[in-house]
């Protein structure tokens, strides 16, 4: 399996996030990807290559123009407001909710930052755009490898992506790498693509992007949004709308779910993916289902991820893996590569 690695990911390194009412050091740190890379190298697990520069076009297939314009210029605008801002990250503080307008683009920087975000836990830094853009290139490159005939490829990048919508960031995510990969597979000729999100937190951004589309089937197993972030999407009755009705599957699970119950949900998701007629699969590979994760609540163990990989391989689909969450930093490398190793060992 080829790994497409974002050598620029560490340019995005937030200092603080708002978590449960207080500013705390960021959970989403460069060491997450570093540990995965080290584990890949220690096991001599396949080739590791840099992404090709994909350009903006594949990203524009998923994200709105005014949102991308904002992300690309946000840091320079932030520093222009006050040179001292160069030493501190930007966090949103106001949001247009419910009856507020979102069609008008405000001139005020803070207002625009709130327009394009949904939480105060996702700091924007000097290197955010560069890291996120390179991550999207990783996703496109991995999808191109699979579209050209590879059984699988792994996009190892951060910041993660599955919480980012067409025109908003949040949940540590700015560009939706999994959605970009899925669209790239469609553009390469796959008539139907499935995105399977196995992160602890619901992939609200991915769902919102594809919710009214029939050509991408989205399935997610995640912590119950009654109690778990991102709270406002991820319920079982969200099944798609318009042409996408029946093409969205949410399998919320209670905090404390063990591997046996989690695996049952995975099997159901894989059966629905098979029934959807998908010709390729994108896996949002979140490892925050691990029992030691500091901000999650499932109880999977490192050895369980080998079986996760084997189950994914049994689907028999060309597969792009995209690195998402996982905040037990020292264990995330073993857990991620266990999934990939299990997949490789059981692939035809």
Protein backbone atom coordinates (compact mmCIF):
# COMPACT_ATOMS: atom_id res chain seq x y z
CA UNK A 1 0.00 0.00 0.00
CA UNK A 2 1.35 3.41 -0.96
CA UNK A 3 1.17 6.14 1.67
CA UNK A 4 0.87 9.71 0.41
CA UNK A 5 2.37 11.81 3.18
CA UNK A 6 1.88 15.52 3.79
CA UNK A 7 5.36 16.80 4.58
CA UNK A 8 3.88 20.23 5.33
CA UNK A 9 1.32 19.14 7.92
CA UNK A 10 3.30 20.55 10.88
CA UNK A 11 2.92 24.08 9.50
CA UNK A 12 -0.52 23.91 11.10
CA UNK A 13 0.10 23.80 14.84
CA UNK A 14 -2.53 25.42 17.00
CA UNK A 15 -1.65 26.73 20.43
CA UNK A 16 -5.02 26.63 22.21
CA UNK A 17 -8.61 25.56 21.63
CA UNK A 18 -11.83 26.25 23.49
CA UNK A 19 -12.82 22.95 25.12
CA UNK A 20 -15.71 22.62 27.58
CA UNK A 21 -15.62 26.29 28.45
CA UNK A 22 -11.92 26.90 28.83
CA UNK A 23 -8.85 27.45 26.70
CA UNK A 24 -6.66 24.33 26.72
CA UNK A 25 -3.65 23.19 24.68
CA UNK A 26 -4.77 21.71 21.38
CA UNK A 27 -5.46 17.97 21.26
CA UNK A 28 -4.86 17.93 17.49
CA UNK A 29 -1.05 18.14 17.26
CA UNK A 30 1.63 17.39 14.64
CA UNK A 31 2.89 14.40 16.64
CA UNK A 32 -0.24 12.51 15.64
CA UNK A 33 0.91 12.17 12.03
CA UNK A 34 4.54 11.81 13.10
CA UNK A 35 3.78 8.69 15.13
CA UNK A 36 1.91 7.13 12.21
CA UNK A 37 4.82 7.86 9.88
CA UNK A 38 7.28 6.36 12.35
CA UNK A 39 5.19 3.20 12.66
CA UNK A 40 4.94 2.84 8.88
CA UNK A 41 8.71 3.13 8.64
CA UNK A 42 9.37 0.78 11.57
CA UNK A 43 7.27 -1.94 9.93
CA UNK A 44 8.59 -1.18 6.43
CA UNK A 45 4.95 -0.88 5.42
CA UNK A 46 4.96 0.03 1.76
CA UNK A 47 6.17 3.02 -0.19
CA UNK A 48 5.84 6.55 1.19
CA UNK A 49 5.62 9.35 -1.33
CA UNK A 50 4.83 13.05 -1.49
CA UNK A 51 1.59 14.24 -3.07
CA UNK A 52 1.35 15.80 -6.48
CA UNK A 53 0.15 19.39 -6.43
CA UNK A 54 -3.49 18.88 -7.34
CA UNK A 55 -4.32 22.53 -7.91
CA UNK A 56 -7.50 24.15 -6.71
CA UNK A 57 -9.92 22.50 -9.15
CA UNK A 58 -10.49 19.24 -7.19
CA UNK A 59 -10.95 21.27 -4.00
CA UNK A 60 -13.40 23.61 -5.72
CA UNK A 61 -15.46 20.55 -6.66
CA UNK A 62 -16.30 20.26 -2.95
CA UNK A 63 -15.82 23.69 -1.33
CA UNK A 64 -17.35 27.05 -2.20
CA UNK A 65 -15.27 29.76 -3.80
CA UNK A 66 -15.83 32.40 -1.15
CA UNK A 67 -14.91 29.93 1.59
CA UNK A 68 -11.66 29.01 -0.14
CA UNK A 69 -10.87 32.67 -0.71
CA UNK A 70 -11.31 33.28 3.00
CA UNK A 71 -9.08 30.39 4.06
CA UNK A 72 -6.32 31.38 1.65
CA UNK A 73 -6.21 34.99 2.87
CA UNK A 74 -7.34 34.68 6.50
CA UNK A 75 -3.92 34.68 8.15
CA UNK A 76 -2.65 37.73 6.30
CA UNK A 77 -5.87 39.56 7.17
CA UNK A 78 -5.57 38.52 10.80
CA UNK A 79 -2.04 39.90 11.08
CA UNK A 80 -2.98 43.06 9.19
CA UNK A 81 -5.51 43.82 11.92
CA UNK A 82 -2.71 43.95 14.51
CA UNK A 83 0.95 42.96 14.00
CA UNK A 84 0.85 41.34 17.45
CA UNK A 85 -1.59 38.80 16.03
CA UNK A 86 1.36 37.10 14.35
CA UNK A 87 2.12 35.51 17.72
CA UNK A 88 -1.40 34.26 18.43
CA UNK A 89 -3.84 32.03 16.58
CA UNK A 90 -7.21 33.19 15.35
CA UNK A 91 -10.34 31.73 16.92
CA UNK A 92 -13.93 32.63 15.98
CA UNK A 93 -16.17 34.27 18.56
CA UNK A 94 -19.48 35.08 16.79
CA UNK A 95 -21.72 32.93 14.57
CA UNK A 96 -24.82 33.48 12.41
CA UNK A 97 -27.35 31.02 13.84
CA UNK A 98 -30.90 30.21 12.76
CA UNK A 99 -32.63 33.37 11.52
CA UNK A 100 -29.37 35.31 11.01
CA UNK A 101 -28.30 35.97 7.42
CA UNK A 102 -25.42 34.06 5.83
CA UNK A 103 -25.75 35.21 2.23
CA UNK A 104 -24.03 38.56 2.80
CA UNK A 105 -20.24 38.48 3.15
CA UNK A 106 -19.33 40.85 6.01
CA UNK A 107 -16.38 43.22 5.73
CA UNK A 108 -15.42 42.59 9.36
CA UNK A 109 -12.83 39.80 9.72
CA UNK A 110 -14.30 38.34 12.92
CA UNK A 111 -17.75 38.25 11.34
CA UNK A 112 -16.42 36.43 8.28
CA UNK A 113 -14.53 33.96 10.45
CA UNK A 114 -17.75 33.20 12.30
CA UNK A 115 -19.66 32.91 9.04
CA UNK A 116 -17.30 30.15 7.89
CA UNK A 117 -17.01 28.19 11.16
CA UNK A 118 -19.12 26.48 13.78
CA UNK A 119 -16.95 26.14 16.90
CA UNK A 120 -14.19 27.85 18.86
CA UNK A 121 -12.06 24.73 19.05
CA UNK A 122 -10.40 25.05 15.67
CA UNK A 123 -7.59 27.62 15.68
CA UNK A 124 -6.48 29.09 12.40
CA UNK A 125 -2.70 29.50 12.27
CA UNK A 126 -0.03 30.93 10.00
CA UNK A 127 0.39 27.60 8.22
CA UNK A 128 -3.20 26.37 8.17
CA UNK A 129 -3.90 27.02 4.49
CA UNK A 130 -0.59 25.55 3.31
CA UNK A 131 -1.02 22.41 5.41
CA UNK A 132 -4.67 21.94 4.49
CA UNK A 133 -4.04 22.51 0.78
CA UNK A 134 -1.20 19.95 0.79
CA UNK A 135 -3.52 17.55 2.63
CA UNK A 136 -6.13 17.88 -0.08
CA UNK A 137 -3.41 17.10 -2.60
CA UNK A 138 -2.63 13.96 -0.59
CA UNK A 139 -6.26 12.90 -0.83
CA UNK A 140 -6.43 13.55 -4.57
CA UNK A 141 -3.13 11.76 -5.20
CA UNK A 142 -4.28 8.72 -3.19
CA UNK A 143 -7.56 8.69 -5.11
CA UNK A 144 -5.68 8.90 -8.41
CA UNK A 145 -3.56 5.90 -7.45
CA UNK A 146 -6.66 3.87 -6.64
CA UNK A 147 -8.49 5.14 -9.72
CA UNK A 148 -5.54 3.96 -11.81
CA UNK A 149 -5.82 0.43 -10.46
CA UNK A 150 -4.16 0.26 -7.04
CA UNK A 151 -6.08 -1.84 -4.51
CA UNK A 152 -5.59 0.81 -1.84
CA UNK A 153 -3.72 3.95 -0.84
CA UNK A 154 -3.38 5.93 2.39
CA UNK A 155 -3.51 9.72 2.65
CA UNK A 156 -1.52 10.54 5.79
CA UNK A 157 -2.19 14.18 6.51
CA UNK A 158 -3.41 16.66 9.04
CA UNK A 159 -5.30 18.78 9.88
CA UNK A 160 -8.10 16.23 9.51
CA UNK A 161 -11.07 16.92 7.28
CA UNK A 162 -14.36 15.15 7.95
CA UNK A 163 -15.96 17.95 10.00
CA UNK A 164 -15.38 20.54 7.25
CA UNK A 165 -18.39 21.30 5.08
CA UNK A 166 -18.64 22.95 1.70
CA UNK A 167 -18.32 26.38 3.31
CA UNK A 168 -17.38 25.91 6.95
CA UNK A 169 -14.60 24.68 9.20
CA UNK A 170 -14.70 23.20 12.69
CA UNK A 171 -13.70 20.12 14.66
CA UNK A 172 -10.03 20.73 13.77
CA UNK A 173 -10.95 20.45 10.05
CA UNK A 174 -10.67 22.96 7.19
CA UNK A 175 -10.79 21.01 3.90
CA UNK A 176 -12.73 17.78 3.67
CA UNK A 177 -10.10 15.34 2.42
CA UNK A 178 -12.43 12.33 2.34
CA UNK A 179 -15.04 14.19 0.30
CA UNK A 180 -12.35 15.47 -2.07
CA UNK A 181 -11.07 11.90 -2.51
CA UNK A 182 -14.59 10.59 -3.15
CA UNK A 183 -15.26 13.26 -5.76
CA UNK A 184 -11.92 12.53 -7.39
CA UNK A 185 -12.88 8.85 -7.67
CA UNK A 186 -16.20 9.86 -9.23
CA UNK A 187 -14.41 12.11 -11.69
CA UNK A 188 -12.07 9.25 -12.56
CA UNK A 189 -15.02 7.12 -13.64
CA UNK A 190 -16.53 5.40 -10.60
CA UNK A 191 -20.31 5.60 -10.98
CA UNK A 192 -20.95 5.21 -7.26
CA UNK A 193 -18.56 5.80 -4.36
CA UNK A 194 -19.05 5.08 -0.67
CA UNK A 195 -17.53 7.04 2.19
CA UNK A 196 -17.31 5.09 5.44
CA UNK A 197 -16.51 7.22 8.49
CA UNK A 198 -15.22 5.22 11.48
CA UNK A 199 -14.05 8.18 13.55
CA UNK A 200 -15.56 8.46 17.03
CA UNK A 201 -17.11 11.78 16.03
CA UNK A 202 -19.74 11.95 13.32
CA UNK A 203 -18.50 13.21 9.95
CA UNK A 204 -20.99 16.07 9.83
CA UNK A 205 -19.11 17.89 7.09
CA UNK A 206 -19.02 14.86 4.79
CA UNK A 207 -22.69 14.15 5.40
CA UNK A 208 -23.69 17.72 4.62
CA UNK A 209 -21.69 17.72 1.38
CA UNK A 210 -23.28 14.56 -0.01
CA UNK A 211 -26.68 14.59 1.72
CA UNK A 212 -28.66 15.36 -1.44
CA UNK A 213 -26.58 13.23 -3.80
CA UNK A 214 -27.26 9.67 -4.94
CA UNK A 215 -23.80 9.01 -6.40
CA UNK A 216 -21.99 8.98 -3.03
CA UNK A 217 -23.24 6.75 -0.22
CA UNK A 218 -22.21 7.98 3.23
CA UNK A 219 -22.11 5.73 6.29
CA UNK A 220 -20.89 6.69 9.75
CA UNK A 221 -20.62 4.87 13.07
CA UNK A 222 -19.93 7.26 15.88
CA UNK A 223 -20.72 8.47 19.37
CA UNK A 224 -24.39 9.29 19.93
CA UNK A 225 -24.89 13.01 19.16
CA UNK A 226 -27.28 13.31 22.10
CA UNK A 227 -24.13 13.47 24.22
CA UNK A 228 -21.15 13.55 21.84
CA UNK A 229 -19.60 16.18 19.55
CA UNK A 230 -20.55 17.49 17.00
CA UNK A 231 -24.00 17.15 18.61
CA UNK A 232 -26.18 18.65 15.87
CA UNK A 233 -25.89 15.94 13.20
CA UNK A 234 -25.43 12.19 13.22
CA UNK A 235 -28.86 10.92 14.26
CA UNK A 236 -30.21 7.69 12.81
CA UNK A 237 -33.19 9.38 11.16
CA UNK A 238 -30.91 11.39 8.85
CA UNK A 239 -31.14 9.27 5.71
CA UNK A 240 -30.56 11.80 2.93
CA UNK A 241 -32.77 14.25 1.07
CA UNK A 242 -34.00 14.71 -2.49
CA UNK A 243 -31.98 12.50 -4.85
CA UNK A 244 -29.86 11.47 -1.86
CA UNK A 245 -32.74 9.98 0.12
CA UNK A 246 -31.66 6.54 1.32
CA UNK A 247 -27.99 7.20 0.61
CA UNK A 248 -27.02 8.32 4.13
CA UNK A 249 -26.62 5.91 7.03
CA UNK A 250 -25.88 6.98 10.60
CA UNK A 251 -25.20 4.39 13.29
CA UNK A 252 -24.87 6.29 16.58
CA UNK A 253 -23.54 4.29 19.52
CA UNK A 254 -23.48 5.05 23.25
CA UNK A 255 -20.36 6.06 25.14
CA UNK A 256 -18.65 2.94 26.46
CA UNK A 257 -19.41 0.82 23.38
CA UNK A 258 -17.05 -2.18 23.19
CA UNK A 259 -15.51 -3.72 20.09
CA UNK A 260 -18.11 -6.47 19.68
CA UNK A 261 -20.99 -4.02 19.48
CA UNK A 262 -18.95 -1.56 17.40
CA UNK A 263 -18.03 -4.33 14.96
CA UNK A 264 -21.69 -5.28 14.55
CA UNK A 265 -22.33 -1.69 13.44
CA UNK A 266 -19.38 -1.86 11.07
CA UNK A 267 -20.77 -5.03 9.48
CA UNK A 268 -24.14 -3.36 8.99
CA UNK A 269 -22.49 -0.35 7.37
CA UNK A 270 -20.49 -2.61 5.04
CA UNK A 271 -23.64 -4.52 4.05
CA UNK A 272 -25.39 -1.28 3.19
CA UNK A 273 -22.37 -0.13 1.20
CA UNK A 274 -22.46 -3.37 -0.78
CA UNK A 275 -26.18 -2.90 -1.43
CA UNK A 276 -25.55 0.65 -2.62
CA UNK A 277 -23.55 -0.63 -5.57
CA UNK A 278 -20.44 1.38 -4.70
CA UNK A 279 -17.49 0.73 -6.97
CA UNK A 280 -14.90 2.35 -4.68
CA UNK A 281 -14.59 3.14 -0.99
CA UNK A 282 -13.14 6.03 0.98
CA UNK A 283 -12.51 5.34 4.66
CA UNK A 284 -12.35 8.29 7.04
CA UNK A 285 -9.83 6.61 9.32
CA UNK A 286 -10.36 8.02 12.78
CA UNK A 287 -8.60 6.19 15.60
CA UNK A 288 -10.28 8.01 18.48
CA UNK A 289 -12.40 4.91 19.04
CA UNK A 290 -9.39 3.67 21.06
CA UNK A 291 -9.98 2.98 24.75
CA UNK A 292 -7.32 5.49 25.81
CA UNK A 293 -8.46 8.43 23.74
CA UNK A 294 -8.73 11.56 25.94
CA UNK A 295 -11.76 13.13 24.22
CA UNK A 296 -13.77 10.08 23.15
CA UNK A 297 -15.63 7.18 24.74
CA UNK A 298 -15.38 3.82 22.95
CA UNK A 299 -13.19 0.95 24.17
CA UNK A 300 -11.43 -0.53 21.14
CA UNK A 301 -7.95 -1.93 21.77
CA UNK A 302 -4.92 -1.87 19.52
CA UNK A 303 -5.34 -5.49 18.44
CA UNK A 304 -8.96 -4.82 17.43
CA UNK A 305 -7.79 -2.56 14.62
CA UNK A 306 -6.24 -5.52 12.82
CA UNK A 307 -9.71 -7.04 12.58
CA UNK A 308 -11.14 -3.70 11.47
CA UNK A 309 -8.72 -3.73 8.56
CA UNK A 310 -9.64 -7.32 7.70
CA UNK A 311 -13.35 -6.44 7.72
CA UNK A 312 -12.75 -3.48 5.42
CA UNK A 313 -10.75 -5.66 3.04
CA UNK A 314 -13.62 -8.14 2.88
CA UNK A 315 -15.73 -5.48 1.21
CA UNK A 316 -13.59 -6.12 -1.87
CA UNK A 317 -13.54 -2.50 -3.03
CA UNK A 318 -10.67 -0.30 -4.19
CA UNK A 319 -10.09 1.75 -1.07
CA UNK A 320 -8.65 5.14 -0.15
CA UNK A 321 -7.83 5.59 3.53
CA UNK A 322 -7.77 9.17 4.83
CA UNK A 323 -6.29 9.91 8.26
CA UNK A 324 -8.75 11.67 10.56
CA UNK A 325 -8.92 11.80 14.39
CA UNK A 326 -7.15 9.94 17.18
CA UNK A 327 -5.79 11.82 20.17
CA UNK A 328 -4.10 9.14 22.25
CA UNK A 329 -1.00 10.38 20.48
CA UNK A 330 1.56 7.75 21.45
CA UNK A 331 -0.74 4.89 20.40
CA UNK A 332 -2.22 6.39 17.24
CA UNK A 333 0.60 5.13 15.02
CA UNK A 334 0.21 1.49 16.06
CA UNK A 335 -3.57 1.70 15.78
CA UNK A 336 -3.56 3.29 12.34
CA UNK A 337 -1.01 0.91 10.86
CA UNK A 338 -2.83 -2.06 12.42
CA UNK A 339 -5.87 -1.14 10.32
CA UNK A 340 -3.77 -0.86 7.19
CA UNK A 341 -1.90 -4.11 7.96
CA UNK A 342 -5.13 -5.99 8.59
CA UNK A 343 -6.47 -4.68 5.30
CA UNK A 344 -3.34 -5.62 3.37
CA UNK A 345 -3.16 -9.11 4.87
CA UNK A 346 -6.74 -9.89 3.81
CA UNK A 347 -6.81 -8.20 0.40
CA UNK A 348 -6.99 -10.40 -2.67
